[in-house]
Amino acid sequence: MDDQSPEAIVRAFVDHVNGGNLAGIASLLSDDIVFIDASGNVHRRDKSFMAGYLAQFPEYRIHVHGILLSGNGVAIIGQTTGSHVSPQVEANETIVWAAEVRDGLIAEWRIYAESE
């Protein structure tokens, strides 16, 4: 896998999130980053969005179960631990993170969540 492929960039981002590496996270985000959370709230041009979330939930981890690729798009299917929801919900919740990579940086990070 090419280190600059969309998949490699998204995998590195997940590694930085799971390691709490805020500088690493910021280094992989475009200046015009768009975060869309599971509630549909849109955060534009705010690289500090993920840092703020990790400050509130330092044990937050993304557990990757599968990855789907399409051009510059990468979708991760998995679960979380340490998030803002209870461990009981996390255990039964499937999350999809959809990323759009442009020019070697994540330009959009969208979260879809569905609880059983």
PDB file of N, CA and C in Angstrom:
ATOM      1  N   MET A   1       0.848  -1.185   0.000  1.00  0.00           N
ATOM      2  CA  MET A   1       0.000   0.000   0.000  1.00  0.00           C
ATOM      3  C   MET A   1       0.889   1.243   0.000  1.00  0.00           C
ATOM      4  N   ASP A   2       0.598   2.158  -0.896  1.00  0.00           N
ATOM      5  CA  ASP A   2       1.301   3.426  -1.003  1.00  0.00           C
ATOM      6  C   ASP A   2       1.043   4.255   0.262  1.00  0.00           C
ATOM      7  N   ASP A   3       2.110   4.832   0.847  1.00  0.00           N
ATOM      8  CA  ASP A   3       1.966   5.626   2.076  1.00  0.00           C
ATOM      9  C   ASP A   3       1.113   6.869   1.886  1.00  0.00           C
ATOM     10  N   GLN A   4       0.918   7.298   0.629  1.00  0.00           N
ATOM     11  CA  GLN A   4       0.101   8.475   0.364  1.00  0.00           C
ATOM     12  C   GLN A   4      -1.265   8.117  -0.214  1.00  0.00           C
ATOM     13  N   SER A   5      -1.584   6.830  -0.237  1.00  0.00           N
ATOM     14  CA  SER A   5      -2.900   6.422  -0.723  1.00  0.00           C
ATOM     15  C   SER A   5      -3.966   6.902   0.257  1.00  0.00           C
ATOM     16  N   PRO A   6      -5.194   7.113  -0.221  1.00  0.00           N
ATOM     17  CA  PRO A   6      -6.258   7.496   0.711  1.00  0.00           C
ATOM     18  C   PRO A   6      -6.386   6.520   1.884  1.00  0.00           C
ATOM     19  N   GLU A   7      -6.272   5.221   1.613  1.00  0.00           N
ATOM     20  CA  GLU A   7      -6.374   4.250   2.707  1.00  0.00           C
ATOM     21  C   GLU A   7      -5.259   4.441   3.731  1.00  0.00           C
ATOM     22  N   ALA A   8      -4.029   4.625   3.262  1.00  0.00           N
ATOM     23  CA  ALA A   8      -2.900   4.806   4.186  1.00  0.00           C
ATOM     24  C   ALA A   8      -3.076   6.069   5.024  1.00  0.00           C
ATOM     25  N   ILE A   9      -3.570   7.132   4.405  1.00  0.00           N
ATOM     26  CA  ILE A   9      -3.769   8.389   5.132  1.00  0.00           C
ATOM     27  C   ILE A   9      -4.844   8.219   6.207  1.00  0.00           C
ATOM     28  N   VAL A  10      -5.940   7.550   5.864  1.00  0.00           N
ATOM     29  CA  VAL A  10      -7.018   7.347   6.836  1.00  0.00           C
ATOM     30  C   VAL A  10      -6.559   6.402   7.947  1.00  0.00           C
ATOM     31  N   ARG A  11      -5.816   5.357   7.595  1.00  0.00           N
ATOM     32  CA  ARG A  11      -5.292   4.453   8.638  1.00  0.00           C
ATOM     33  C   ARG A  11      -4.351   5.204   9.582  1.00  0.00           C
ATOM     34  N   ALA A  12      -3.513   6.084   9.038  1.00  0.00           N
ATOM     35  CA  ALA A  12      -2.613   6.880   9.883  1.00  0.00           C
ATOM     36  C   ALA A  12      -3.422   7.808  10.787  1.00  0.00           C
ATOM     37  N   PHE A  13      -4.486   8.396  10.254  1.00  0.00           N
ATOM     38  CA  PHE A  13      -5.357   9.256  11.053  1.00  0.00           C
ATOM     39  C   PHE A  13      -5.945   8.481  12.225  1.00  0.00           C
ATOM     40  N   VAL A  14      -6.463   7.280  11.948  1.00  0.00           N
ATOM     41  CA  VAL A  14      -7.029   6.444  13.013  1.00  0.00           C
ATOM     42  C   VAL A  14      -5.957   6.121  14.052  1.00  0.00           C
ATOM     43  N   ASP A  15      -4.741   5.798  13.598  1.00  0.00           N
ATOM     44  CA  ASP A  15      -3.645   5.523  14.540  1.00  0.00           C
ATOM     45  C   ASP A  15      -3.380   6.732  15.429  1.00  0.00           C
ATOM     46  N   HIS A  16      -3.398   7.936  14.836  1.00  0.00           N
ATOM     47  CA  HIS A  16      -3.179   9.159  15.621  1.00  0.00           C
ATOM     48  C   HIS A  16      -4.325   9.392  16.610  1.00  0.00           C
ATOM     49  N   VAL A  17      -5.560   9.160  16.170  1.00  0.00           N
ATOM     50  CA  VAL A  17      -6.706   9.300  17.083  1.00  0.00           C
ATOM     51  C   VAL A  17      -6.547   8.332  18.245  1.00  0.00           C
ATOM     52  N   ASN A  18      -6.265   7.073  17.929  1.00  0.00           N
ATOM     53  CA  ASN A  18      -6.155   6.055  18.984  1.00  0.00           C
ATOM     54  C   ASN A  18      -4.974   6.305  19.908  1.00  0.00           C
ATOM     55  N   GLY A  19      -3.961   6.987  19.428  1.00  0.00           N
ATOM     56  CA  GLY A  19      -2.806   7.318  20.253  1.00  0.00           C
ATOM     57  C   GLY A  19      -2.900   8.680  20.916  1.00  0.00           C
ATOM     58  N   GLY A  20      -3.982   9.412  20.647  1.00  0.00           N
ATOM     59  CA  GLY A  20      -4.120  10.753  21.225  1.00  0.00           C
ATOM     60  C   GLY A  20      -3.107  11.743  20.693  1.00  0.00           C
ATOM     61  N   ASN A  21      -2.603  11.513  19.483  1.00  0.00           N
ATOM     62  CA  ASN A  21      -1.571  12.351  18.889  1.00  0.00           C
ATOM     63  C   ASN A  21      -2.221  13.519  18.144  1.00  0.00           C
ATOM     64  N   LEU A  22      -2.430  14.623  18.844  1.00  0.00           N
ATOM     65  CA  LEU A  22      -3.124  15.769  18.268  1.00  0.00           C
ATOM     66  C   LEU A  22      -2.368  16.405  17.114  1.00  0.00           C
ATOM     67  N   ALA A  23      -1.057  16.479  17.213  1.00  0.00           N
ATOM     68  CA  ALA A  23      -0.259  17.046  16.120  1.00  0.00           C
ATOM     69  C   ALA A  23      -0.351  16.148  14.888  1.00  0.00           C
ATOM     70  N   GLY A  24      -0.327  14.838  15.098  1.00  0.00           N
ATOM     71  CA  GLY A  24      -0.461  13.902  13.988  1.00  0.00           C
ATOM     72  C   GLY A  24      -1.813  14.018  13.320  1.00  0.00           C
ATOM     73  N   ILE A  25      -2.864  14.164  14.124  1.00  0.00           N
ATOM     74  CA  ILE A  25      -4.215  14.335  13.585  1.00  0.00           C
ATOM     75  C   ILE A  25      -4.259  15.586  12.718  1.00  0.00           C
ATOM     76  N   ALA A  26      -3.812  16.709  13.263  1.00  0.00           N
ATOM     77  CA  ALA A  26      -3.855  17.981  12.541  1.00  0.00           C
ATOM     78  C   ALA A  26      -3.044  17.924  11.255  1.00  0.00           C
ATOM     79  N   SER A  27      -1.946  17.170  11.253  1.00  0.00           N
ATOM     80  CA  SER A  27      -1.088  17.106  10.065  1.00  0.00           C
ATOM     81  C   SER A  27      -1.756  16.398   8.899  1.00  0.00           C
ATOM     82  N   LEU A  28      -2.819  15.649   9.158  1.00  0.00           N
ATOM     83  CA  LEU A  28      -3.500  14.897   8.097  1.00  0.00           C
ATOM     84  C   LEU A  28      -4.817  15.534   7.666  1.00  0.00           C
ATOM     85  N   LEU A  29      -5.134  16.717   8.207  1.00  0.00           N
ATOM     86  CA  LEU A  29      -6.379  17.397   7.884  1.00  0.00           C
ATOM     87  C   LEU A  29      -6.127  18.592   6.978  1.00  0.00           C
ATOM     88  N   SER A  30      -6.974  18.737   5.957  1.00  0.00           N
ATOM     89  CA  SER A  30      -6.863  19.906   5.083  1.00  0.00           C
ATOM     90  C   SER A  30      -7.294  21.155   5.847  1.00  0.00           C
ATOM     91  N   ASP A  31      -6.881  22.302   5.361  1.00  0.00           N
ATOM     92  CA  ASP A  31      -7.262  23.559   6.010  1.00  0.00           C
ATOM     93  C   ASP A  31      -8.768  23.807   5.916  1.00  0.00           C
ATOM     94  N   ASP A  32      -9.404  23.227   4.901  1.00  0.00           N
ATOM     95  CA  ASP A  32     -10.851  23.414   4.758  1.00  0.00           C
ATOM     96  C   ASP A  32     -11.629  22.176   5.207  1.00  0.00           C
ATOM     97  N   ILE A  33     -11.083  21.458   6.182  1.00  0.00           N
ATOM     98  CA  ILE A  33     -11.694  20.228   6.688  1.00  0.00           C
ATOM     99  C   ILE A  33     -13.157  20.450   7.066  1.00  0.00           C
ATOM    100  N   VAL A  34     -13.964  19.449   6.761  1.00  0.00           N
ATOM    101  CA  VAL A  34     -15.365  19.437   7.173  1.00  0.00           C
ATOM    102  C   VAL A  34     -15.570  18.178   8.004  1.00  0.00           C
ATOM    103  N   PHE A  35     -15.970  18.354   9.260  1.00  0.00           N
ATOM    104  CA  PHE A  35     -16.363  17.249  10.131  1.00  0.00           C
ATOM    105  C   PHE A  35     -17.879  17.236  10.191  1.00  0.00           C
ATOM    106  N   ILE A  36     -18.467  16.068  10.006  1.00  0.00           N
ATOM    107  CA  ILE A  36     -19.916  15.929  10.172  1.00  0.00           C
ATOM    108  C   ILE A  36     -20.114  14.820  11.192  1.00  0.00           C
ATOM    109  N   ASP A  37     -20.666  15.183  12.350  1.00  0.00           N
ATOM    110  CA  ASP A  37     -20.815  14.199  13.414  1.00  0.00           C
ATOM    111  C   ASP A  37     -22.048  13.332  13.195  1.00  0.00           C
ATOM    112  N   ALA A  38     -22.231  12.352  14.051  1.00  0.00           N
ATOM    113  CA  ALA A  38     -23.311  11.372  13.892  1.00  0.00           C
ATOM    114  C   ALA A  38     -24.698  12.006  13.979  1.00  0.00           C
ATOM    115  N   SER A  39     -24.798  13.182  14.574  1.00  0.00           N
ATOM    116  CA  SER A  39     -26.079  13.896  14.655  1.00  0.00           C
ATOM    117  C   SER A  39     -26.318  14.775  13.438  1.00  0.00           C
ATOM    118  N   GLY A  40     -25.328  14.846  12.546  1.00  0.00           N
ATOM    119  CA  GLY A  40     -25.449  15.670  11.351  1.00  0.00           C
ATOM    120  C   GLY A  40     -24.953  17.091  11.515  1.00  0.00           C
ATOM    121  N   ASN A  41     -24.368  17.394  12.680  1.00  0.00           N
ATOM    122  CA  ASN A  41     -23.804  18.725  12.894  1.00  0.00           C
ATOM    123  C   ASN A  41     -22.538  18.881  12.056  1.00  0.00           C
ATOM    124  N   VAL A  42     -22.430  20.018  11.379  1.00  0.00           N
ATOM    125  CA  VAL A  42     -21.307  20.276  10.478  1.00  0.00           C
ATOM    126  C   VAL A  42     -20.344  21.260  11.137  1.00  0.00           C
ATOM    127  N   HIS A  43     -19.079  20.887  11.146  1.00  0.00           N
ATOM    128  CA  HIS A  43     -18.014  21.733  11.694  1.00  0.00           C
ATOM    129  C   HIS A  43     -17.048  22.009  10.545  1.00  0.00           C
ATOM    130  N   ARG A  44     -16.963  23.251  10.106  1.00  0.00           N
ATOM    131  CA  ARG A  44     -16.145  23.608   8.946  1.00  0.00           C
ATOM    132  C   ARG A  44     -14.855  24.316   9.375  1.00  0.00           C
ATOM    133  N   ARG A  45     -13.797  23.963   8.677  1.00  0.00           N
ATOM    134  CA  ARG A  45     -12.493  24.622   8.861  1.00  0.00           C
ATOM    135  C   ARG A  45     -12.070  24.671  10.322  1.00  0.00           C
ATOM    136  N   ASP A  46     -12.276  23.565  11.021  1.00  0.00           N
ATOM    137  CA  ASP A  46     -11.990  23.534  12.454  1.00  0.00           C
ATOM    138  C   ASP A  46     -11.146  22.313  12.787  1.00  0.00           C
ATOM    139  N   LYS A  47      -9.839  22.441  12.624  1.00  0.00           N
ATOM    140  CA  LYS A  47      -8.945  21.327  12.931  1.00  0.00           C
ATOM    141  C   LYS A  47      -8.948  20.987  14.418  1.00  0.00           C
ATOM    142  N   SER A  48      -9.427  21.897  15.253  1.00  0.00           N
ATOM    143  CA  SER A  48      -9.428  21.657  16.696  1.00  0.00           C
ATOM    144  C   SER A  48     -10.626  20.822  17.140  1.00  0.00           C
ATOM    145  N   PHE A  49     -11.566  20.544  16.223  1.00  0.00           N
ATOM    146  CA  PHE A  49     -12.763  19.785  16.597  1.00  0.00           C
ATOM    147  C   PHE A  49     -12.399  18.438  17.216  1.00  0.00           C
ATOM    148  N   MET A  50     -11.540  17.678  16.561  1.00  0.00           N
ATOM    149  CA  MET A  50     -11.154  16.362  17.082  1.00  0.00           C
ATOM    150  C   MET A  50     -10.348  16.503  18.365  1.00  0.00           C
ATOM    151  N   ALA A  51      -9.496  17.511  18.444  1.00  0.00           N
ATOM    152  CA  ALA A  51      -8.713  17.732  19.662  1.00  0.00           C
ATOM    153  C   ALA A  51      -9.627  18.008  20.850  1.00  0.00           C
ATOM    154  N   GLY A  52     -10.675  18.793  20.630  1.00  0.00           N
ATOM    155  CA  GLY A  52     -11.615  19.080  21.708  1.00  0.00           C
ATOM    156  C   GLY A  52     -12.350  17.837  22.165  1.00  0.00           C
ATOM    157  N   TYR A  53     -12.721  16.987  21.204  1.00  0.00           N
ATOM    158  CA  TYR A  53     -13.420  15.752  21.552  1.00  0.00           C
ATOM    159  C   TYR A  53     -12.493  14.836  22.344  1.00  0.00           C
ATOM    160  N   LEU A  54     -11.255  14.697  21.897  1.00  0.00           N
ATOM    161  CA  LEU A  54     -10.303  13.821  22.592  1.00  0.00           C
ATOM    162  C   LEU A  54      -9.938  14.361  23.969  1.00  0.00           C
ATOM    163  N   ALA A  55      -9.966  15.674  24.139  1.00  0.00           N
ATOM    164  CA  ALA A  55      -9.711  16.241  25.471  1.00  0.00           C
ATOM    165  C   ALA A  55     -10.825  15.844  26.443  1.00  0.00           C
ATOM    166  N   GLN A  56     -12.069  15.797  25.947  1.00  0.00           N
ATOM    167  CA  GLN A  56     -13.202  15.398  26.786  1.00  0.00           C
ATOM    168  C   GLN A  56     -13.234  13.885  27.006  1.00  0.00           C
ATOM    169  N   PHE A  57     -12.776  13.127  26.008  1.00  0.00           N
ATOM    170  CA  PHE A  57     -12.854  11.657  26.053  1.00  0.00           C
ATOM    171  C   PHE A  57     -11.499  11.061  25.673  1.00  0.00           C
ATOM    172  N   PRO A  58     -10.497  11.180  26.573  1.00  0.00           N
ATOM    173  CA  PRO A  58      -9.130  10.759  26.235  1.00  0.00           C
ATOM    174  C   PRO A  58      -8.981   9.254  25.991  1.00  0.00           C
ATOM    175  N   GLU A  59      -9.955   8.459  26.388  1.00  0.00           N
ATOM    176  CA  GLU A  59      -9.890   7.013  26.156  1.00  0.00           C
ATOM    177  C   GLU A  59     -10.582   6.600  24.855  1.00  0.00           C
ATOM    178  N   TYR A  60     -11.025   7.567  24.059  1.00  0.00           N
ATOM    179  CA  TYR A  60     -11.720   7.283  22.802  1.00  0.00           C
ATOM    180  C   TYR A  60     -10.803   6.504  21.857  1.00  0.00           C
ATOM    181  N   ARG A  61     -11.339   5.412  21.322  1.00  0.00           N
ATOM    182  CA  ARG A  61     -10.601   4.585  20.368  1.00  0.00           C
ATOM    183  C   ARG A  61     -11.532   4.162  19.243  1.00  0.00           C
ATOM    184  N   ILE A  62     -10.974   4.086  18.050  1.00  0.00           N
ATOM    185  CA  ILE A  62     -11.681   3.566  16.887  1.00  0.00           C
ATOM    186  C   ILE A  62     -11.194   2.147  16.652  1.00  0.00           C
ATOM    187  N   HIS A  63     -12.115   1.195  16.600  1.00  0.00           N
ATOM    188  CA  HIS A  63     -11.786  -0.212  16.357  1.00  0.00           C
ATOM    189  C   HIS A  63     -12.274  -0.565  14.955  1.00  0.00           C
ATOM    190  N   VAL A  64     -11.330  -0.754  14.048  1.00  0.00           N
ATOM    191  CA  VAL A  64     -11.637  -0.989  12.641  1.00  0.00           C
ATOM    192  C   VAL A  64     -11.962  -2.467  12.424  1.00  0.00           C
ATOM    193  N   HIS A  65     -13.140  -2.720  11.841  1.00  0.00           N
ATOM    194  CA  HIS A  65     -13.535  -4.083  11.480  1.00  0.00           C
ATOM    195  C   HIS A  65     -13.432  -4.301   9.976  1.00  0.00           C
ATOM    196  N   GLY A  66     -13.508  -3.231   9.207  1.00  0.00           N
ATOM    197  CA  GLY A  66     -13.414  -3.350   7.754  1.00  0.00           C
ATOM    198  C   GLY A  66     -13.218  -1.995   7.121  1.00  0.00           C
ATOM    199  N   ILE A  67     -12.674  -2.021   5.904  1.00  0.00           N
ATOM    200  CA  ILE A  67     -12.448  -0.788   5.153  1.00  0.00           C
ATOM    201  C   ILE A  67     -12.955  -0.987   3.735  1.00  0.00           C
ATOM    202  N   LEU A  68     -13.667   0.022   3.233  1.00  0.00           N
ATOM    203  CA  LEU A  68     -14.138   0.036   1.857  1.00  0.00           C
ATOM    204  C   LEU A  68     -13.488   1.219   1.152  1.00  0.00           C
ATOM    205  N   LEU A  69     -13.094   1.011  -0.106  1.00  0.00           N
ATOM    206  CA  LEU A  69     -12.401   2.050  -0.858  1.00  0.00           C
ATOM    207  C   LEU A  69     -13.150   2.358  -2.145  1.00  0.00           C
ATOM    208  N   SER A  70     -13.169   3.631  -2.515  1.00  0.00           N
ATOM    209  CA  SER A  70     -13.738   4.060  -3.784  1.00  0.00           C
ATOM    210  C   SER A  70     -13.077   5.370  -4.179  1.00  0.00           C
ATOM    211  N   GLY A  71     -12.152   5.309  -5.109  1.00  0.00           N
ATOM    212  CA  GLY A  71     -11.434   6.517  -5.525  1.00  0.00           C
ATOM    213  C   GLY A  71     -10.710   7.146  -4.359  1.00  0.00           C
ATOM    214  N   ASN A  72     -11.059   8.384  -4.060  1.00  0.00           N
ATOM    215  CA  ASN A  72     -10.454   9.091  -2.921  1.00  0.00           C
ATOM    216  C   ASN A  72     -11.267   8.946  -1.645  1.00  0.00           C
ATOM    217  N   GLY A  73     -12.305   8.116  -1.696  1.00  0.00           N
ATOM    218  CA  GLY A  73     -13.146   7.897  -0.534  1.00  0.00           C
ATOM    219  C   GLY A  73     -12.739   6.637   0.204  1.00  0.00           C
ATOM    220  N   VAL A  74     -12.796   6.726   1.517  1.00  0.00           N
ATOM    221  CA  VAL A  74     -12.481   5.591   2.386  1.00  0.00           C
ATOM    222  C   VAL A  74     -13.579   5.507   3.439  1.00  0.00           C
ATOM    223  N   ALA A  75     -14.158   4.325   3.585  1.00  0.00           N
ATOM    224  CA  ALA A  75     -15.151   4.110   4.631  1.00  0.00           C
ATOM    225  C   ALA A  75     -14.614   3.060   5.589  1.00  0.00           C
ATOM    226  N   ILE A  76     -14.702   3.362   6.852  1.00  0.00           N
ATOM    227  CA  ILE A  76     -14.292   2.433   7.903  1.00  0.00           C
ATOM    228  C   ILE A  76     -15.555   1.952   8.600  1.00  0.00           C
ATOM    229  N   ILE A  77     -15.647   0.660   8.794  1.00  0.00           N
ATOM    230  CA  ILE A  77     -16.744   0.074   9.547  1.00  0.00           C
ATOM    231  C   ILE A  77     -16.152  -0.460  10.835  1.00  0.00           C
ATOM    232  N   GLY A  78     -16.745  -0.099  11.961  1.00  0.00           N
ATOM    233  CA  GLY A  78     -16.186  -0.565  13.224  1.00  0.00           C
ATOM    234  C   GLY A  78     -16.992  -0.138  14.423  1.00  0.00           C
ATOM    235  N   GLN A  79     -16.292  -0.025  15.527  1.00  0.00           N
ATOM    236  CA  GLN A  79     -16.891   0.367  16.797  1.00  0.00           C
ATOM    237  C   GLN A  79     -15.946   1.304  17.525  1.00  0.00           C
ATOM    238  N   THR A  80     -16.472   1.910  18.578  1.00  0.00           N
ATOM    239  CA  THR A  80     -15.651   2.761  19.424  1.00  0.00           C
ATOM    240  C   THR A  80     -15.675   2.256  20.854  1.00  0.00           C
ATOM    241  N   THR A  81     -14.689   2.690  21.590  1.00  0.00           N
ATOM    242  CA  THR A  81     -14.708   2.589  23.045  1.00  0.00           C
ATOM    243  C   THR A  81     -14.265   3.945  23.574  1.00  0.00           C
ATOM    244  N   GLY A  82     -14.710   4.264  24.771  1.00  0.00           N
ATOM    245  CA  GLY A  82     -14.292   5.510  25.410  1.00  0.00           C
ATOM    246  C   GLY A  82     -14.958   6.752  24.866  1.00  0.00           C
ATOM    247  N   SER A  83     -16.070   6.606  24.148  1.00  0.00           N
ATOM    248  CA  SER A  83     -16.723   7.771  23.565  1.00  0.00           C
ATOM    249  C   SER A  83     -17.711   8.398  24.552  1.00  0.00           C
ATOM    250  N   HIS A  84     -18.527   9.295  24.054  1.00  0.00           N
ATOM    251  CA  HIS A  84     -19.511  10.002  24.880  1.00  0.00           C
ATOM    252  C   HIS A  84     -20.732   9.146  25.210  1.00  0.00           C
ATOM    253  N   VAL A  85     -20.850   7.966  24.607  1.00  0.00           N
ATOM    254  CA  VAL A  85     -21.984   7.090  24.918  1.00  0.00           C
ATOM    255  C   VAL A  85     -21.530   6.004  25.881  1.00  0.00           C
ATOM    256  N   SER A  86     -22.480   5.347  26.508  1.00  0.00           N
ATOM    257  CA  SER A  86     -22.145   4.336  27.518  1.00  0.00           C
ATOM    258  C   SER A  86     -21.493   3.108  26.876  1.00  0.00           C
ATOM    259  N   PRO A  87     -20.689   2.375  27.634  1.00  0.00           N
ATOM    260  CA  PRO A  87     -20.081   1.149  27.111  1.00  0.00           C
ATOM    261  C   PRO A  87     -21.120   0.140  26.612  1.00  0.00           C
ATOM    262  N   GLN A  88     -22.295   0.119  27.222  1.00  0.00           N
ATOM    263  CA  GLN A  88     -23.349  -0.794  26.778  1.00  0.00           C
ATOM    264  C   GLN A  88     -23.821  -0.434  25.360  1.00  0.00           C
ATOM    265  N   VAL A  89     -23.924   0.858  25.080  1.00  0.00           N
ATOM    266  CA  VAL A  89     -24.313   1.300  23.739  1.00  0.00           C
ATOM    267  C   VAL A  89     -23.173   1.016  22.763  1.00  0.00           C
ATOM    268  N   GLU A  90     -21.952   1.356  23.156  1.00  0.00           N
ATOM    269  CA  GLU A  90     -20.803   1.111  22.277  1.00  0.00           C
ATOM    270  C   GLU A  90     -20.707  -0.356  21.863  1.00  0.00           C
ATOM    271  N   ALA A  91     -21.004  -1.258  22.773  1.00  0.00           N
ATOM    272  CA  ALA A  91     -20.899  -2.694  22.486  1.00  0.00           C
ATOM    273  C   ALA A  91     -21.882  -3.143  21.417  1.00  0.00           C
ATOM    274  N   ASN A  92     -22.973  -2.406  21.245  1.00  0.00           N
ATOM    275  CA  ASN A  92     -24.013  -2.786  20.285  1.00  0.00           C
ATOM    276  C   ASN A  92     -24.138  -1.817  19.118  1.00  0.00           C
ATOM    277  N   GLU A  93     -23.207  -0.903  19.002  1.00  0.00           N
ATOM    278  CA  GLU A  93     -23.295   0.149  18.004  1.00  0.00           C
ATOM    279  C   GLU A  93     -22.289  -0.094  16.889  1.00  0.00           C
ATOM    280  N   THR A  94     -22.755  -0.019  15.665  1.00  0.00           N
ATOM    281  CA  THR A  94     -21.863  -0.071  14.509  1.00  0.00           C
ATOM    282  C   THR A  94     -21.684   1.352  14.010  1.00  0.00           C
ATOM    283  N   ILE A  95     -20.443   1.712  13.745  1.00  0.00           N
ATOM    284  CA  ILE A  95     -20.115   3.051  13.276  1.00  0.00           C
ATOM    285  C   ILE A  95     -19.511   2.933  11.883  1.00  0.00           C
ATOM    286  N   VAL A  96     -19.850   3.888  11.031  1.00  0.00           N
ATOM    287  CA  VAL A  96     -19.170   4.030   9.747  1.00  0.00           C
ATOM    288  C   VAL A  96     -18.579   5.431   9.722  1.00  0.00           C
ATOM    289  N   TRP A  97     -17.294   5.490   9.478  1.00  0.00           N
ATOM    290  CA  TRP A  97     -16.604   6.766   9.284  1.00  0.00           C
ATOM    291  C   TRP A  97     -16.312   6.860   7.796  1.00  0.00           C
ATOM    292  N   ALA A  98     -16.721   7.943   7.172  1.00  0.00           N
ATOM    293  CA  ALA A  98     -16.481   8.134   5.749  1.00  0.00           C
ATOM    294  C   ALA A  98     -15.540   9.323   5.583  1.00  0.00           C
ATOM    295  N   ALA A  99     -14.451   9.080   4.881  1.00  0.00           N
ATOM    296  CA  ALA A  99     -13.456  10.133   4.676  1.00  0.00           C
ATOM    297  C   ALA A  99     -13.289  10.391   3.184  1.00  0.00           C
ATOM    298  N   GLU A 100     -13.092  11.647   2.857  1.00  0.00           N
ATOM    299  CA  GLU A 100     -12.730  12.044   1.501  1.00  0.00           C
ATOM    300  C   GLU A 100     -11.330  12.636   1.578  1.00  0.00           C
ATOM    301  N   VAL A 101     -10.417  12.082   0.798  1.00  0.00           N
ATOM    302  CA  VAL A 101      -9.025  12.516   0.818  1.00  0.00           C
ATOM    303  C   VAL A 101      -8.736  13.298  -0.458  1.00  0.00           C
ATOM    304  N   ARG A 102      -8.160  14.496  -0.281  1.00  0.00           N
ATOM    305  CA  ARG A 102      -7.756  15.329  -1.413  1.00  0.00           C
ATOM    306  C   ARG A 102      -6.339  15.829  -1.187  1.00  0.00           C
ATOM    307  N   ASP A 103      -5.511  15.698  -2.206  1.00  0.00           N
ATOM    308  CA  ASP A 103      -4.131  16.190  -2.143  1.00  0.00           C
ATOM    309  C   ASP A 103      -3.388  15.657  -0.918  1.00  0.00           C
ATOM    310  N   GLY A 104      -3.642  14.397  -0.571  1.00  0.00           N
ATOM    311  CA  GLY A 104      -2.926  13.759   0.523  1.00  0.00           C
ATOM    312  C   GLY A 104      -3.413  14.121   1.910  1.00  0.00           C
ATOM    313  N   LEU A 105      -4.558  14.813   2.006  1.00  0.00           N
ATOM    314  CA  LEU A 105      -5.102  15.219   3.303  1.00  0.00           C
ATOM    315  C   LEU A 105      -6.580  14.873   3.384  1.00  0.00           C
ATOM    316  N   ILE A 106      -7.066  14.664   4.585  1.00  0.00           N
ATOM    317  CA  ILE A 106      -8.486  14.394   4.785  1.00  0.00           C
ATOM    318  C   ILE A 106      -9.244  15.714   4.691  1.00  0.00           C
ATOM    319  N   ALA A 107     -10.155  15.786   3.712  1.00  0.00           N
ATOM    320  CA  ALA A 107     -10.939  17.002   3.484  1.00  0.00           C
ATOM    321  C   ALA A 107     -12.316  16.911   4.118  1.00  0.00           C
ATOM    322  N   GLU A 108     -12.797  15.674   4.318  1.00  0.00           N
ATOM    323  CA  GLU A 108     -14.085  15.488   4.988  1.00  0.00           C
ATOM    324  C   GLU A 108     -14.026  14.223   5.820  1.00  0.00           C
ATOM    325  N   TRP A 109     -14.584  14.298   7.021  1.00  0.00           N
ATOM    326  CA  TRP A 109     -14.669  13.168   7.950  1.00  0.00           C
ATOM    327  C   TRP A 109     -16.098  13.149   8.468  1.00  0.00           C
ATOM    328  N   ARG A 110     -16.837  12.117   8.092  1.00  0.00           N
ATOM    329  CA  ARG A 110     -18.256  12.026   8.439  1.00  0.00           C
ATOM    330  C   ARG A 110     -18.486  10.752   9.243  1.00  0.00           C
ATOM    331  N   ILE A 111     -19.341  10.854  10.258  1.00  0.00           N
ATOM    332  CA  ILE A 111     -19.631   9.725  11.126  1.00  0.00           C
ATOM    333  C   ILE A 111     -21.092   9.335  11.007  1.00  0.00           C
ATOM    334  N   TYR A 112     -21.313   8.043  10.792  1.00  0.00           N
ATOM    335  CA  TYR A 112     -22.663   7.478  10.789  1.00  0.00           C
ATOM    336  C   TYR A 112     -22.708   6.451  11.906  1.00  0.00           C
ATOM    337  N   ALA A 113     -23.730   6.509  12.745  1.00  0.00           N
ATOM    338  CA  ALA A 113     -23.853   5.568  13.854  1.00  0.00           C
ATOM    339  C   ALA A 113     -25.267   5.042  13.929  1.00  0.00           C
ATOM    340  N   GLU A 114     -25.366   3.761  14.237  1.00  0.00           N
ATOM    341  CA  GLU A 114     -26.667   3.164  14.428  1.00  0.00           C
ATOM    342  C   GLU A 114     -26.598   2.178  15.570  1.00  0.00           C
ATOM    343  N   SER A 115     -27.419   2.386  16.556  1.00  0.00           N
ATOM    344  CA  SER A 115     -27.476   1.477  17.692  1.00  0.00           C
ATOM    345  C   SER A 115     -28.536   0.420  17.437  1.00  0.00           C
ATOM    346  N   GLU A 116     -28.286  -0.752  18.000  1.00  0.00           N
ATOM    347  CA  GLU A 116     -29.303  -1.808  17.895  1.00  0.00           C
ATOM    348  C   GLU A 116     -30.419  -1.552  18.875  1.00  0.00           C
TER     349      GLU A 116
END
